[in-house]
Amino acid sequence: MSATHPSGSSGTDTALRILKTFSLRDKVCVITGAARGLGLVFARALVESGSSKIAILDKLVDQASSAASEIVESAAREGYTIEAQSYALDVTKEEEVKAVIENIVQKWGSIDCLVTAAGVVHNYPALEYPTSQFNALYDVNVHGSFFCAREVARHMKAGNVQGSIIFIASMSANIVNVPQPQFAYNASKAAVKHMAASLAVEWAPYGIRVNSLSPGYMNTPLLKAVKNPTWEETWINNTPMRRLGEPDDLKGAIVFLASDASKFVTGTDLRVDGGYTVV
């Protein structure tokens, strides 16, 4: 039996048919820590899936501005027009967060999706961990994530926006990494993961979905800053897929959680780790 394709189409046309609920068309998306690394990858993925309004939030002001320009120019080369605006933001500063989120809402009317990608990692043995560094890590990874989520959720509730908030956690929320010492990072990401689940329950009556995305070992500048050849060999050997993840491996996951394709998904932690946490 042979298959027929109407109107002279071929089987290859199926590549152009995509589930409509994955579209982020006309959605306003906000990403923290988006000047570089995974945050920038997430911003690009949201644009590739249809978002036409992207806010790039980061302490690295010049890099954030360059990232916004690069995203706009890349879209233009592909034949479509978007808006990307950079904002200087230290997520640990509560009043700054309030002001920036308010500015975005005033500019574009609402926020449909927030991705909290701003984060830091340190590698100190617990007995030698400087208190100042410990506090700084929690200020960014935990407190900063909450400040951003809370302010966005306030505007989503006020505007009756059925939005999506995505916390970037880590597989470290579920396991203890070896051989590097990073107890504080692990604990902070466990806090982020459970914060997402808790807020999902609290904000579900408002139609606001809250989930976390937990990457494994991803080949990013952040990872390169802490790894050494011995560590990397251990990481790869402990990963069933026998490789580090590439940043693009996270694009599908972030789009799924941001879009209506996951409209009945909330309080979930989506791990993308090459199988690391299941062995």
Foldseek 3Di string as FASTA:
>chain_A
DDDDDPPPDDPVCVVVDDDPQLACAQAAEEEEPCLFWLSVVQQLLNVVRHHQHYEYEYQPQVSSVVSQVVSQVVVVVVPDGGHYYYDNDDLLDLVRLLVVLVVVCVVSVAHAEYEYPFAAFDFDAPVPDDPVVLVVRLSRLPVSLVSNVVNRLVRCLVVLHLHEYEYEAACLLVDPDPDTHTVSNSVSSVNSLVVQLVVQVVCVVSNYAGHYEHEAAEPIPNNVVPDDPVSLCVLQVLAPVSHGHYSNLCSVVSSCRGGCVCSVDHSYYHYHYNRNNVD
